[in-house]
């Protein structure tokens, strides 16, 4: 049986508390996760990130494809480079649900 799950790191205390209270069965929510160790696991097939420098380096080192949602700074250019390299794609974090194509 295949299980699709998500590990989410949220460092905003109130948001972490609110999301954790939802008791989502396939999502492990923590205030901090060992990113490098997780990306080295063969069962990790996708890394969703804002494409900060550390995240991009860890993803590339471990060969984990990325789904990027850049927020500011050089994150957009990092996402575009990942897409050009064929190791990632990116989306618009501010997109409204009705504007997102399946």
PDB file of N, CA and C in Angstrom:
ATOM      1  N   UNK A   1       0.844  -1.185   0.000  1.00  0.00           N
ATOM      2  CA  UNK A   1       0.000   0.000   0.000  1.00  0.00           C
ATOM      3  C   UNK A   1       0.887   1.245   0.000  1.00  0.00           C
ATOM      4  N   UNK A   2       0.599   2.151  -0.914  1.00  0.00           N
ATOM      5  CA  UNK A   2       1.323   3.413  -0.966  1.00  0.00           C
ATOM      6  C   UNK A   2       0.673   4.421  -0.034  1.00  0.00           C
ATOM      7  N   UNK A   3       1.494   5.173   0.640  1.00  0.00           N
ATOM      8  CA  UNK A   3       0.995   6.217   1.522  1.00  0.00           C
ATOM      9  C   UNK A   3       1.642   7.525   1.112  1.00  0.00           C
ATOM     10  N   UNK A   4       0.822   8.511   0.849  1.00  0.00           N
ATOM     11  CA  UNK A   4       1.331   9.835   0.547  1.00  0.00           C
ATOM     12  C   UNK A   4       1.147  10.686   1.784  1.00  0.00           C
ATOM     13  N   UNK A   5       2.240  11.194   2.269  1.00  0.00           N
ATOM     14  CA  UNK A   5       2.185  12.030   3.452  1.00  0.00           C
ATOM     15  C   UNK A   5       3.042  13.258   3.264  1.00  0.00           C
ATOM     16  N   UNK A   6       2.862  14.184   4.148  1.00  0.00           N
ATOM     17  CA  UNK A   6       3.585  15.443   4.092  1.00  0.00           C
ATOM     18  C   UNK A   6       4.181  15.740   5.456  1.00  0.00           C
ATOM     19  N   UNK A   7       5.366  16.304   5.452  1.00  0.00           N
ATOM     20  CA  UNK A   7       5.985  16.810   6.667  1.00  0.00           C
ATOM     21  C   UNK A   7       6.074  18.315   6.483  1.00  0.00           C
ATOM     22  N   UNK A   8       5.484  19.050   7.407  1.00  0.00           N
ATOM     23  CA  UNK A   8       5.397  20.502   7.280  1.00  0.00           C
ATOM     24  C   UNK A   8       6.092  21.158   8.467  1.00  0.00           C
ATOM     25  N   UNK A   9       6.928  22.121   8.165  1.00  0.00           N
ATOM     26  CA  UNK A   9       7.592  22.906   9.203  1.00  0.00           C
ATOM     27  C   UNK A   9       6.959  24.295   9.239  1.00  0.00           C
ATOM     28  N   UNK A  10       6.400  24.641  10.381  1.00  0.00           N
ATOM     29  CA  UNK A  10       5.763  25.948  10.569  1.00  0.00           C
ATOM     30  C   UNK A  10       6.392  26.589  11.792  1.00  0.00           C
ATOM     31  N   UNK A  11       7.007  27.758  11.612  1.00  0.00           N
ATOM     32  CA  UNK A  11       7.672  28.389  12.751  1.00  0.00           C
ATOM     33  C   UNK A  11       6.879  29.535  13.369  1.00  0.00           C
ATOM     34  N   UNK A  12       5.633  29.702  12.974  1.00  0.00           N
ATOM     35  CA  UNK A  12       4.745  30.690  13.586  1.00  0.00           C
ATOM     36  C   UNK A  12       3.936  29.958  14.654  1.00  0.00           C
ATOM     37  N   UNK A  13       4.151  30.279  15.915  1.00  0.00           N
ATOM     38  CA  UNK A  13       3.546  29.559  17.025  1.00  0.00           C
ATOM     39  C   UNK A  13       2.039  29.411  16.974  1.00  0.00           C
ATOM     40  N   UNK A  14       1.320  30.492  16.733  1.00  0.00           N
ATOM     41  CA  UNK A  14      -0.142  30.417  16.706  1.00  0.00           C
ATOM     42  C   UNK A  14      -0.639  29.640  15.500  1.00  0.00           C
ATOM     43  N   UNK A  15      -0.035  29.872  14.350  1.00  0.00           N
ATOM     44  CA  UNK A  15      -0.432  29.145  13.148  1.00  0.00           C
ATOM     45  C   UNK A  15      -0.157  27.652  13.321  1.00  0.00           C
ATOM     46  N   UNK A  16       0.994  27.321  13.914  1.00  0.00           N
ATOM     47  CA  UNK A  16       1.338  25.927  14.189  1.00  0.00           C
ATOM     48  C   UNK A  16       0.280  25.288  15.079  1.00  0.00           C
ATOM     49  N   UNK A  17      -0.140  25.995  16.109  1.00  0.00           N
ATOM     50  CA  UNK A  17      -1.165  25.488  17.027  1.00  0.00           C
ATOM     51  C   UNK A  17      -2.502  25.293  16.299  1.00  0.00           C
ATOM     52  N   UNK A  18      -2.884  26.277  15.484  1.00  0.00           N
ATOM     53  CA  UNK A  18      -4.158  26.194  14.758  1.00  0.00           C
ATOM     54  C   UNK A  18      -4.174  25.039  13.767  1.00  0.00           C
ATOM     55  N   UNK A  19      -3.103  24.874  13.005  1.00  0.00           N
ATOM     56  CA  UNK A  19      -3.042  23.822  12.005  1.00  0.00           C
ATOM     57  C   UNK A  19      -2.954  22.452  12.682  1.00  0.00           C
ATOM     58  N   UNK A  20      -2.192  22.352  13.741  1.00  0.00           N
ATOM     59  CA  UNK A  20      -2.072  21.081  14.465  1.00  0.00           C
ATOM     60  C   UNK A  20      -3.410  20.622  15.023  1.00  0.00           C
ATOM     61  N   UNK A  21      -4.246  21.566  15.407  1.00  0.00           N
ATOM     62  CA  UNK A  21      -5.560  21.232  15.972  1.00  0.00           C
ATOM     63  C   UNK A  21      -6.484  20.584  14.944  1.00  0.00           C
ATOM     64  N   UNK A  22      -6.149  20.683  13.663  1.00  0.00           N
ATOM     65  CA  UNK A  22      -6.977  20.077  12.623  1.00  0.00           C
ATOM     66  C   UNK A  22      -6.863  18.557  12.592  1.00  0.00           C
ATOM     67  N   UNK A  23      -5.821  18.005  13.239  1.00  0.00           N
ATOM     68  CA  UNK A  23      -5.604  16.555  13.301  1.00  0.00           C
ATOM     69  C   UNK A  23      -5.632  15.903  11.917  1.00  0.00           C
ATOM     70  N   UNK A  24      -4.871  16.447  11.008  1.00  0.00           N
ATOM     71  CA  UNK A  24      -4.798  15.916   9.648  1.00  0.00           C
ATOM     72  C   UNK A  24      -4.010  14.607   9.666  1.00  0.00           C
ATOM     73  N   UNK A  25      -4.575  13.550   9.111  1.00  0.00           N
ATOM     74  CA  UNK A  25      -3.989  12.224   9.265  1.00  0.00           C
ATOM     75  C   UNK A  25      -2.753  11.966   8.416  1.00  0.00           C
ATOM     76  N   UNK A  26      -2.584  12.649   7.315  1.00  0.00           N
ATOM     77  CA  UNK A  26      -1.413  12.385   6.472  1.00  0.00           C
ATOM     78  C   UNK A  26      -0.401  13.531   6.481  1.00  0.00           C
ATOM     79  N   UNK A  27      -0.499  14.390   7.491  1.00  0.00           N
ATOM     80  CA  UNK A  27       0.420  15.518   7.586  1.00  0.00           C
ATOM     81  C   UNK A  27       1.034  15.573   8.979  1.00  0.00           C
ATOM     82  N   UNK A  28       2.352  15.515   9.034  1.00  0.00           N
ATOM     83  CA  UNK A  28       3.089  15.665  10.283  1.00  0.00           C
ATOM     84  C   UNK A  28       3.526  17.126  10.351  1.00  0.00           C
ATOM     85  N   UNK A  29       3.093  17.831  11.371  1.00  0.00           N
ATOM     86  CA  UNK A  29       3.367  19.257  11.496  1.00  0.00           C
ATOM     87  C   UNK A  29       4.289  19.483  12.689  1.00  0.00           C
ATOM     88  N   UNK A  30       5.411  20.144  12.436  1.00  0.00           N
ATOM     89  CA  UNK A  30       6.413  20.417  13.467  1.00  0.00           C
ATOM     90  C   UNK A  30       6.876  21.859  13.361  1.00  0.00           C
ATOM     91  N   UNK A  31       7.436  22.377  14.437  1.00  0.00           N
ATOM     92  CA  UNK A  31       7.992  23.735  14.401  1.00  0.00           C
ATOM     93  C   UNK A  31       9.358  23.736  13.719  1.00  0.00           C
ATOM     94  N   UNK A  32      10.005  22.576  13.680  1.00  0.00           N
ATOM     95  CA  UNK A  32      11.310  22.461  13.043  1.00  0.00           C
ATOM     96  C   UNK A  32      11.495  21.015  12.595  1.00  0.00           C
ATOM     97  N   UNK A  33      12.137  20.829  11.450  1.00  0.00           N
ATOM     98  CA  UNK A  33      12.422  19.480  10.951  1.00  0.00           C
ATOM     99  C   UNK A  33      13.878  19.423  10.486  1.00  0.00           C
ATOM    100  N   UNK A  34      14.493  18.236  10.545  1.00  0.00           N
ATOM    101  CA  UNK A  34      15.879  18.085  10.076  1.00  0.00           C
ATOM    102  C   UNK A  34      15.917  17.993   8.552  1.00  0.00           C
ATOM    103  N   UNK A  35      15.926  19.131   7.912  1.00  0.00           N
ATOM    104  CA  UNK A  35      15.784  19.210   6.455  1.00  0.00           C
ATOM    105  C   UNK A  35      16.779  18.342   5.695  1.00  0.00           C
ATOM    106  N   UNK A  36      18.052  18.450   6.008  1.00  0.00           N
ATOM    107  CA  UNK A  36      19.066  17.705   5.269  1.00  0.00           C
ATOM    108  C   UNK A  36      18.862  16.201   5.407  1.00  0.00           C
ATOM    109  N   UNK A  37      18.550  15.743   6.614  1.00  0.00           N
ATOM    110  CA  UNK A  37      18.331  14.317   6.836  1.00  0.00           C
ATOM    111  C   UNK A  37      17.092  13.820   6.091  1.00  0.00           C
ATOM    112  N   UNK A  38      16.040  14.615   6.085  1.00  0.00           N
ATOM    113  CA  UNK A  38      14.818  14.214   5.385  1.00  0.00           C
ATOM    114  C   UNK A  38      15.037  14.127   3.884  1.00  0.00           C
ATOM    115  N   UNK A  39      15.701  15.105   3.321  1.00  0.00           N
ATOM    116  CA  UNK A  39      15.922  15.112   1.872  1.00  0.00           C
ATOM    117  C   UNK A  39      16.830  13.971   1.420  1.00  0.00           C
ATOM    118  N   UNK A  40      17.610  13.424   2.321  1.00  0.00           N
ATOM    119  CA  UNK A  40      18.491  12.303   1.979  1.00  0.00           C
ATOM    120  C   UNK A  40      17.735  10.975   1.941  1.00  0.00           C
ATOM    121  N   UNK A  41      16.515  10.943   2.457  1.00  0.00           N
ATOM    122  CA  UNK A  41      15.738   9.701   2.472  1.00  0.00           C
ATOM    123  C   UNK A  41      15.195   9.390   1.081  1.00  0.00           C
ATOM    124  N   UNK A  42      15.311   8.137   0.633  1.00  0.00           N
ATOM    125  CA  UNK A  42      14.841   7.791  -0.710  1.00  0.00           C
ATOM    126  C   UNK A  42      13.321   7.906  -0.882  1.00  0.00           C
ATOM    127  N   UNK A  43      12.558   7.861   0.186  1.00  0.00           N
ATOM    128  CA  UNK A  43      11.096   7.963   0.081  1.00  0.00           C
ATOM    129  C   UNK A  43      10.625   9.397  -0.134  1.00  0.00           C
ATOM    130  N   UNK A  44      11.509  10.372   0.053  1.00  0.00           N
ATOM    131  CA  UNK A  44      11.136  11.768  -0.179  1.00  0.00           C
ATOM    132  C   UNK A  44      11.233  12.020  -1.676  1.00  0.00           C
ATOM    133  N   UNK A  45      10.097  12.307  -2.294  1.00  0.00           N
ATOM    134  CA  UNK A  45      10.056  12.442  -3.757  1.00  0.00           C
ATOM    135  C   UNK A  45       9.839  13.869  -4.237  1.00  0.00           C
ATOM    136  N   UNK A  46       9.518  14.780  -3.321  1.00  0.00           N
ATOM    137  CA  UNK A  46       9.298  16.178  -3.699  1.00  0.00           C
ATOM    138  C   UNK A  46       9.535  17.069  -2.495  1.00  0.00           C
ATOM    139  N   UNK A  47      10.161  18.209  -2.732  1.00  0.00           N
ATOM    140  CA  UNK A  47      10.416  19.189  -1.679  1.00  0.00           C
ATOM    141  C   UNK A  47       9.692  20.472  -2.058  1.00  0.00           C
ATOM    142  N   UNK A  48       8.719  20.858  -1.255  1.00  0.00           N
ATOM    143  CA  UNK A  48       7.977  22.103  -1.486  1.00  0.00           C
ATOM    144  C   UNK A  48       8.606  23.175  -0.616  1.00  0.00           C
ATOM    145  N   UNK A  49       9.008  24.269  -1.237  1.00  0.00           N
ATOM    146  CA  UNK A  49       9.804  25.271  -0.532  1.00  0.00           C
ATOM    147  C   UNK A  49       9.614  26.655  -1.129  1.00  0.00           C
ATOM    148  N   UNK A  50      10.109  27.653  -0.411  1.00  0.00           N
ATOM    149  CA  UNK A  50      10.128  29.022  -0.936  1.00  0.00           C
ATOM    150  C   UNK A  50      11.364  29.266  -1.799  1.00  0.00           C
ATOM    151  N   UNK A  51      12.233  28.270  -1.909  1.00  0.00           N
ATOM    152  CA  UNK A  51      13.449  28.318  -2.736  1.00  0.00           C
ATOM    153  C   UNK A  51      14.515  29.264  -2.202  1.00  0.00           C
ATOM    154  N   UNK A  52      14.686  29.248  -0.904  1.00  0.00           N
ATOM    155  CA  UNK A  52      15.806  29.968  -0.313  1.00  0.00           C
ATOM    156  C   UNK A  52      17.099  29.242  -0.644  1.00  0.00           C
ATOM    157  N   UNK A  53      18.213  29.889  -0.479  1.00  0.00           N
ATOM    158  CA  UNK A  53      19.503  29.331  -0.850  1.00  0.00           C
ATOM    159  C   UNK A  53      19.813  27.996  -0.200  1.00  0.00           C
ATOM    160  N   UNK A  54      19.571  27.867   1.091  1.00  0.00           N
ATOM    161  CA  UNK A  54      19.856  26.617   1.807  1.00  0.00           C
ATOM    162  C   UNK A  54      18.971  25.485   1.295  1.00  0.00           C
ATOM    163  N   UNK A  55      17.712  25.791   1.041  1.00  0.00           N
ATOM    164  CA  UNK A  55      16.774  24.781   0.565  1.00  0.00           C
ATOM    165  C   UNK A  55      17.166  24.295  -0.830  1.00  0.00           C
ATOM    166  N   UNK A  56      17.523  25.226  -1.699  1.00  0.00           N
ATOM    167  CA  UNK A  56      17.928  24.864  -3.054  1.00  0.00           C
ATOM    168  C   UNK A  56      19.186  23.995  -3.013  1.00  0.00           C
ATOM    169  N   UNK A  57      20.168  24.388  -2.217  1.00  0.00           N
ATOM    170  CA  UNK A  57      21.410  23.616  -2.127  1.00  0.00           C
ATOM    171  C   UNK A  57      21.142  22.208  -1.599  1.00  0.00           C
ATOM    172  N   UNK A  58      20.318  22.086  -0.575  1.00  0.00           N
ATOM    173  CA  UNK A  58      19.994  20.774  -0.008  1.00  0.00           C
ATOM    174  C   UNK A  58      19.265  19.909  -1.014  1.00  0.00           C
ATOM    175  N   UNK A  59      18.332  20.495  -1.739  1.00  0.00           N
ATOM    176  CA  UNK A  59      17.557  19.761  -2.731  1.00  0.00           C
ATOM    177  C   UNK A  59      18.453  19.265  -3.866  1.00  0.00           C
ATOM    178  N   UNK A  60      19.301  20.127  -4.377  1.00  0.00           N
ATOM    179  CA  UNK A  60      20.209  19.749  -5.453  1.00  0.00           C
ATOM    180  C   UNK A  60      21.187  18.669  -4.989  1.00  0.00           C
ATOM    181  N   UNK A  61      21.738  18.828  -3.809  1.00  0.00           N
ATOM    182  CA  UNK A  61      22.704  17.863  -3.278  1.00  0.00           C
ATOM    183  C   UNK A  61      22.088  16.478  -3.169  1.00  0.00           C
ATOM    184  N   UNK A  62      20.835  16.421  -2.730  1.00  0.00           N
ATOM    185  CA  UNK A  62      20.166  15.139  -2.511  1.00  0.00           C
ATOM    186  C   UNK A  62      19.387  14.637  -3.716  1.00  0.00           C
ATOM    187  N   UNK A  63      19.328  15.428  -4.783  1.00  0.00           N
ATOM    188  CA  UNK A  63      18.615  15.010  -5.980  1.00  0.00           C
ATOM    189  C   UNK A  63      17.107  14.957  -5.810  1.00  0.00           C
ATOM    190  N   UNK A  64      16.579  15.795  -4.936  1.00  0.00           N
ATOM    191  CA  UNK A  64      15.135  15.837  -4.677  1.00  0.00           C
ATOM    192  C   UNK A  64      14.510  16.961  -5.499  1.00  0.00           C
ATOM    193  N   UNK A  65      13.574  16.645  -6.387  1.00  0.00           N
ATOM    194  CA  UNK A  65      12.912  17.695  -7.167  1.00  0.00           C
ATOM    195  C   UNK A  65      12.187  18.686  -6.260  1.00  0.00           C
ATOM    196  N   UNK A  66      12.044  19.926  -6.740  1.00  0.00           N
ATOM    197  CA  UNK A  66      11.421  20.975  -5.936  1.00  0.00           C
ATOM    198  C   UNK A  66      10.175  21.540  -6.603  1.00  0.00           C
ATOM    199  N   UNK A  67       9.229  21.878  -5.759  1.00  0.00           N
ATOM    200  CA  UNK A  67       8.079  22.694  -6.140  1.00  0.00           C
ATOM    201  C   UNK A  67       8.248  23.978  -5.356  1.00  0.00           C
ATOM    202  N   UNK A  68       8.578  25.053  -6.052  1.00  0.00           N
ATOM    203  CA  UNK A  68       8.900  26.303  -5.385  1.00  0.00           C
ATOM    204  C   UNK A  68       7.761  27.302  -5.404  1.00  0.00           C
ATOM    205  N   UNK A  69       7.651  28.017  -4.305  1.00  0.00           N
ATOM    206  CA  UNK A  69       6.719  29.131  -4.192  1.00  0.00           C
ATOM    207  C   UNK A  69       7.506  30.315  -3.644  1.00  0.00           C
ATOM    208  N   UNK A  70       8.205  31.039  -4.537  1.00  0.00           N
ATOM    209  CA  UNK A  70       9.054  32.143  -4.086  1.00  0.00           C
ATOM    210  C   UNK A  70       8.248  33.258  -3.439  1.00  0.00           C
ATOM    211  N   UNK A  71       8.866  33.874  -2.443  1.00  0.00           N
ATOM    212  CA  UNK A  71       8.208  34.952  -1.703  1.00  0.00           C
ATOM    213  C   UNK A  71       8.885  36.296  -1.973  1.00  0.00           C
ATOM    214  N   UNK A  72      10.205  36.336  -1.862  1.00  0.00           N
ATOM    215  CA  UNK A  72      10.905  37.599  -2.102  1.00  0.00           C
ATOM    216  C   UNK A  72      12.379  37.361  -2.411  1.00  0.00           C
ATOM    217  N   UNK A  73      13.112  38.445  -2.591  1.00  0.00           N
ATOM    218  CA  UNK A  73      14.551  38.377  -2.827  1.00  0.00           C
ATOM    219  C   UNK A  73      14.906  37.594  -4.078  1.00  0.00           C
ATOM    220  N   UNK A  74      15.933  36.759  -3.955  1.00  0.00           N
ATOM    221  CA  UNK A  74      16.421  36.000  -5.107  1.00  0.00           C
ATOM    222  C   UNK A  74      15.696  34.668  -5.286  1.00  0.00           C
ATOM    223  N   UNK A  75      14.637  34.443  -4.547  1.00  0.00           N
ATOM    224  CA  UNK A  75      13.924  33.167  -4.616  1.00  0.00           C
ATOM    225  C   UNK A  75      13.307  32.920  -5.990  1.00  0.00           C
ATOM    226  N   UNK A  76      12.794  33.940  -6.628  1.00  0.00           N
ATOM    227  CA  UNK A  76      12.205  33.771  -7.963  1.00  0.00           C
ATOM    228  C   UNK A  76      13.271  33.351  -8.969  1.00  0.00           C
ATOM    229  N   UNK A  77      14.424  33.990  -8.921  1.00  0.00           N
ATOM    230  CA  UNK A  77      15.474  33.612  -9.877  1.00  0.00           C
ATOM    231  C   UNK A  77      15.965  32.194  -9.598  1.00  0.00           C
ATOM    232  N   UNK A  78      16.003  31.794  -8.339  1.00  0.00           N
ATOM    233  CA  UNK A  78      16.391  30.416  -8.006  1.00  0.00           C
ATOM    234  C   UNK A  78      15.380  29.431  -8.566  1.00  0.00           C
ATOM    235  N   UNK A  79      14.089  29.745  -8.429  1.00  0.00           N
ATOM    236  CA  UNK A  79      13.037  28.873  -8.967  1.00  0.00           C
ATOM    237  C   UNK A  79      13.149  28.749 -10.488  1.00  0.00           C
ATOM    238  N   UNK A  80      13.398  29.855 -11.149  1.00  0.00           N
ATOM    239  CA  UNK A  80      13.529  29.826 -12.613  1.00  0.00           C
ATOM    240  C   UNK A  80      14.738  28.984 -13.036  1.00  0.00           C
ATOM    241  N   UNK A  81      15.842  29.090 -12.291  1.00  0.00           N
ATOM    242  CA  UNK A  81      17.025  28.289 -12.607  1.00  0.00           C
ATOM    243  C   UNK A  81      16.741  26.804 -12.414  1.00  0.00           C
ATOM    244  N   UNK A  82      16.034  26.457 -11.330  1.00  0.00           N
ATOM    245  CA  UNK A  82      15.678  25.061 -11.090  1.00  0.00           C
ATOM    246  C   UNK A  82      14.812  24.519 -12.214  1.00  0.00           C
ATOM    247  N   UNK A  83      13.866  25.338 -12.672  1.00  0.00           N
ATOM    248  CA  UNK A  83      12.999  24.914 -13.760  1.00  0.00           C
ATOM    249  C   UNK A  83      13.811  24.738 -15.050  1.00  0.00           C
ATOM    250  N   UNK A  84      14.713  25.666 -15.333  1.00  0.00           N
ATOM    251  CA  UNK A  84      15.557  25.565 -16.529  1.00  0.00           C
ATOM    252  C   UNK A  84      16.461  24.336 -16.486  1.00  0.00           C
ATOM    253  N   UNK A  85      16.869  23.933 -15.284  1.00  0.00           N
ATOM    254  CA  UNK A  85      17.709  22.749 -15.109  1.00  0.00           C
ATOM    255  C   UNK A  85      16.893  21.455 -15.194  1.00  0.00           C
ATOM    256  N   UNK A  86      15.569  21.579 -15.140  1.00  0.00           N
ATOM    257  CA  UNK A  86      14.714  20.400 -15.193  1.00  0.00           C
ATOM    258  C   UNK A  86      14.567  19.676 -13.876  1.00  0.00           C
ATOM    259  N   UNK A  87      14.878  20.359 -12.780  1.00  0.00           N
ATOM    260  CA  UNK A  87      14.796  19.715 -11.456  1.00  0.00           C
ATOM    261  C   UNK A  87      13.737  20.346 -10.559  1.00  0.00           C
ATOM    262  N   UNK A  88      12.921  21.217 -11.129  1.00  0.00           N
ATOM    263  CA  UNK A  88      11.881  21.844 -10.323  1.00  0.00           C
ATOM    264  C   UNK A  88      10.926  22.656 -11.163  1.00  0.00           C
ATOM    265  N   UNK A  89       9.832  22.998 -10.543  1.00  0.00           N
ATOM    266  CA  UNK A  89       8.848  23.903 -11.125  1.00  0.00           C
ATOM    267  C   UNK A  89       8.435  24.863 -10.025  1.00  0.00           C
ATOM    268  N   UNK A  90       7.781  25.944 -10.417  1.00  0.00           N
ATOM    269  CA  UNK A  90       7.367  26.899  -9.394  1.00  0.00           C
ATOM    270  C   UNK A  90       5.991  27.443  -9.691  1.00  0.00           C
ATOM    271  N   UNK A  91       5.378  27.977  -8.645  1.00  0.00           N
ATOM    272  CA  UNK A  91       4.053  28.560  -8.752  1.00  0.00           C
ATOM    273  C   UNK A  91       3.993  29.896  -8.054  1.00  0.00           C
ATOM    274  N   UNK A  92       2.849  30.512  -8.133  1.00  0.00           N
ATOM    275  CA  UNK A  92       2.611  31.823  -7.527  1.00  0.00           C
ATOM    276  C   UNK A  92       1.910  31.618  -6.187  1.00  0.00           C
ATOM    277  N   UNK A  93       2.596  31.941  -5.112  1.00  0.00           N
ATOM    278  CA  UNK A  93       2.055  31.740  -3.762  1.00  0.00           C
ATOM    279  C   UNK A  93       0.808  32.574  -3.501  1.00  0.00           C
ATOM    280  N   UNK A  94       0.635  33.646  -4.273  1.00  0.00           N
ATOM    281  CA  UNK A  94      -0.519  34.521  -4.043  1.00  0.00           C
ATOM    282  C   UNK A  94      -1.703  34.184  -4.947  1.00  0.00           C
ATOM    283  N   UNK A  95      -1.576  33.148  -5.764  1.00  0.00           N
ATOM    284  CA  UNK A  95      -2.655  32.786  -6.685  1.00  0.00           C
ATOM    285  C   UNK A  95      -3.912  32.358  -5.922  1.00  0.00           C
ATOM    286  N   UNK A  96      -5.030  32.784  -6.413  1.00  0.00           N
ATOM    287  CA  UNK A  96      -6.321  32.403  -5.827  1.00  0.00           C
ATOM    288  C   UNK A  96      -6.702  31.011  -6.328  1.00  0.00           C
ATOM    289  N   UNK A  97      -7.373  30.219  -5.493  1.00  0.00           N
ATOM    290  CA  UNK A  97      -7.724  28.843  -5.892  1.00  0.00           C
ATOM    291  C   UNK A  97      -8.422  28.744  -7.248  1.00  0.00           C
ATOM    292  N   UNK A  98      -9.273  29.697  -7.585  1.00  0.00           N
ATOM    293  CA  UNK A  98      -9.982  29.600  -8.871  1.00  0.00           C
ATOM    294  C   UNK A  98      -9.083  29.913 -10.070  1.00  0.00           C
ATOM    295  N   UNK A  99      -7.866  30.397  -9.815  1.00  0.00           N
ATOM    296  CA  UNK A  99      -6.922  30.700 -10.898  1.00  0.00           C
ATOM    297  C   UNK A  99      -5.885  29.599 -11.079  1.00  0.00           C
ATOM    298  N   UNK A 100      -5.925  28.585 -10.234  1.00  0.00           N
ATOM    299  CA  UNK A 100      -4.944  27.502 -10.315  1.00  0.00           C
ATOM    300  C   UNK A 100      -5.513  26.376 -11.160  1.00  0.00           C
ATOM    301  N   UNK A 101      -4.802  26.034 -12.218  1.00  0.00           N
ATOM    302  CA  UNK A 101      -5.254  24.941 -13.098  1.00  0.00           C
ATOM    303  C   UNK A 101      -4.808  23.613 -12.538  1.00  0.00           C
ATOM    304  N   UNK A 102      -5.635  22.614 -12.654  1.00  0.00           N
ATOM    305  CA  UNK A 102      -5.285  21.274 -12.145  1.00  0.00           C
ATOM    306  C   UNK A 102      -4.313  20.604 -13.094  1.00  0.00           C
TER     307      UNK A 102
END
